[in-house]
Amino acid sequence: MTANTKSGQRSAQRQGADAKRAGTTLLEAFDTLPADEKEVLTVAILAHAKAQGLPVDLIVRHALRQTSANSTPPLSASARVKELREWAESHPITTPLSDEAISRKSLYAERG
């Protein structure tokens, strides 16, 4: 076994432990995705692992570790509603554009 292989295995073990401490397992994270996103993610991960010459589990653990370390806990529904309303209220109320301003003729007038 080469030094790089041993180092990669130790790194994968540490990353797996980090992910478990964060309360997320690979399976839990993957299971939350819609089916079409699972397929796209699987293909992308396999291609990336092949291009890097690394085991798939090492790639996934590294990505999960980075994501869990940088992410904030999900908001409750009421907190999301509150934030959306605050965001909407932060925008000025403006006068709507006239029909002429948004007509096809005025939009494409410069094109001839």
Protein backbone atom coordinates (compact mmCIF):
# COMPACT_ATOMS: atom_id res chain seq x y z
CA MET A 1 0.00 0.00 0.00
CA THR A 2 1.47 3.36 -0.99
CA ALA A 3 1.73 6.44 1.24
CA ASN A 4 -0.83 8.24 -0.94
CA THR A 5 -3.33 5.40 -0.54
CA LYS A 6 -2.89 5.35 3.25
CA SER A 7 -3.19 9.13 3.39
CA GLY A 8 -6.35 9.02 1.25
CA GLN A 9 -7.89 6.37 3.49
CA ARG A 10 -7.13 8.35 6.65
CA SER A 11 -8.55 11.47 5.05
CA ALA A 12 -11.72 9.62 4.01
CA GLN A 13 -12.12 8.24 7.53
CA ARG A 14 -11.72 11.70 9.07
CA GLN A 15 -14.20 13.19 6.61
CA GLY A 16 -16.71 10.44 7.28
CA ALA A 17 -16.40 11.07 11.02
CA ASP A 18 -16.84 14.82 10.44
CA ALA A 19 -20.01 14.21 8.45
CA LYS A 20 -21.43 11.96 11.16
CA ARG A 21 -20.64 14.58 13.82
CA ALA A 22 -22.51 17.13 11.71
CA GLY A 23 -25.56 14.84 11.95
CA THR A 24 -25.66 13.99 8.27
CA THR A 25 -24.80 10.70 6.68
CA LEU A 26 -24.19 10.35 2.97
CA LEU A 27 -27.36 8.33 2.58
CA GLU A 28 -29.49 10.89 4.45
CA ALA A 29 -28.15 13.75 2.33
CA PHE A 30 -28.65 11.83 -0.91
CA ASP A 31 -32.16 10.67 0.04
CA THR A 32 -33.36 14.26 0.38
CA LEU A 33 -32.81 14.92 -3.34
CA PRO A 34 -35.47 14.50 -6.04
CA ALA A 35 -34.89 11.51 -8.34
CA ASP A 36 -33.77 13.57 -11.33
CA GLU A 37 -31.21 15.44 -9.22
CA LYS A 38 -29.94 12.14 -7.80
CA GLU A 39 -29.24 10.92 -11.32
CA VAL A 40 -27.48 14.13 -12.36
CA LEU A 41 -25.43 14.18 -9.16
CA THR A 42 -24.45 10.53 -9.53
CA VAL A 43 -23.21 11.04 -13.09
CA ALA A 44 -21.29 14.18 -12.10
CA ILE A 45 -19.67 12.51 -9.11
CA LEU A 46 -18.61 9.48 -11.12
CA ALA A 47 -17.12 11.68 -13.85
CA HIS A 48 -15.29 13.85 -11.32
CA ALA A 49 -13.91 10.85 -9.45
CA LYS A 50 -12.70 9.29 -12.69
CA ALA A 51 -11.08 12.54 -13.84
CA GLN A 52 -9.33 12.96 -10.48
CA GLY A 53 -8.36 9.31 -10.21
CA LEU A 54 -9.89 9.14 -6.73
CA PRO A 55 -12.43 6.80 -5.15
CA VAL A 56 -16.04 7.99 -5.37
CA ASP A 57 -16.57 7.78 -1.61
CA LEU A 58 -13.65 10.14 -1.01
CA ILE A 59 -15.10 12.70 -3.44
CA VAL A 60 -18.57 12.48 -1.85
CA ARG A 61 -17.29 12.70 1.71
CA HIS A 62 -15.16 15.70 0.89
CA ALA A 63 -18.11 17.49 -0.74
CA LEU A 64 -20.41 16.62 2.15
CA ARG A 65 -17.88 17.84 4.69
CA GLN A 66 -17.52 21.17 2.90
CA THR A 67 -21.28 21.57 2.56
CA SER A 68 -22.09 20.73 6.17
CA ALA A 69 -19.34 22.99 7.46
CA ASN A 70 -20.52 25.97 5.39
CA SER A 71 -24.28 25.58 5.61
CA THR A 72 -26.71 27.05 8.08
CA PRO A 73 -29.51 25.02 9.64
CA PRO A 74 -32.72 25.01 7.59
CA LEU A 75 -35.33 27.61 8.54
CA SER A 76 -38.79 26.70 9.72
CA ALA A 77 -41.72 27.48 7.44
CA SER A 78 -42.74 30.49 9.52
CA ALA A 79 -39.17 31.84 9.48
CA ARG A 80 -39.03 31.46 5.68
CA VAL A 81 -42.34 33.30 5.33
CA LYS A 82 -41.08 36.07 7.61
CA GLU A 83 -37.85 36.45 5.60
CA LEU A 84 -39.74 36.46 2.30
CA ARG A 85 -42.11 39.18 3.53
CA GLU A 86 -39.20 41.25 4.85
CA TRP A 87 -37.43 40.88 1.51
CA ALA A 88 -40.56 41.90 -0.42
CA GLU A 89 -41.16 44.90 1.84
CA SER A 90 -37.57 46.03 1.35
CA HIS A 91 -38.29 46.80 -2.31
CA PRO A 92 -39.78 50.16 -3.25
CA ILE A 93 -43.32 50.34 -4.56
CA THR A 94 -43.07 51.78 -8.04
CA THR A 95 -45.50 52.85 -10.71
CA PRO A 96 -46.17 50.06 -13.19
CA LEU A 97 -44.90 50.52 -16.74
CA SER A 98 -47.42 51.64 -19.33
CA ASP A 99 -48.70 49.30 -22.02
CA GLU A 100 -46.70 51.29 -24.57
CA ALA A 101 -43.49 50.89 -22.57
CA ILE A 102 -43.77 47.11 -22.57
CA SER A 103 -45.21 46.64 -26.04
CA ARG A 104 -43.35 44.45 -28.51
CA LYS A 105 -43.00 47.45 -30.85
CA SER A 106 -41.17 49.54 -28.24
CA LEU A 107 -39.04 46.63 -27.03
CA TYR A 108 -37.75 45.82 -30.50
CA ALA A 109 -37.82 49.36 -32.00
CA GLU A 110 -34.02 49.53 -32.10
CA ARG A 111 -33.76 46.33 -34.17
CA GLY A 112 -35.77 47.71 -37.03
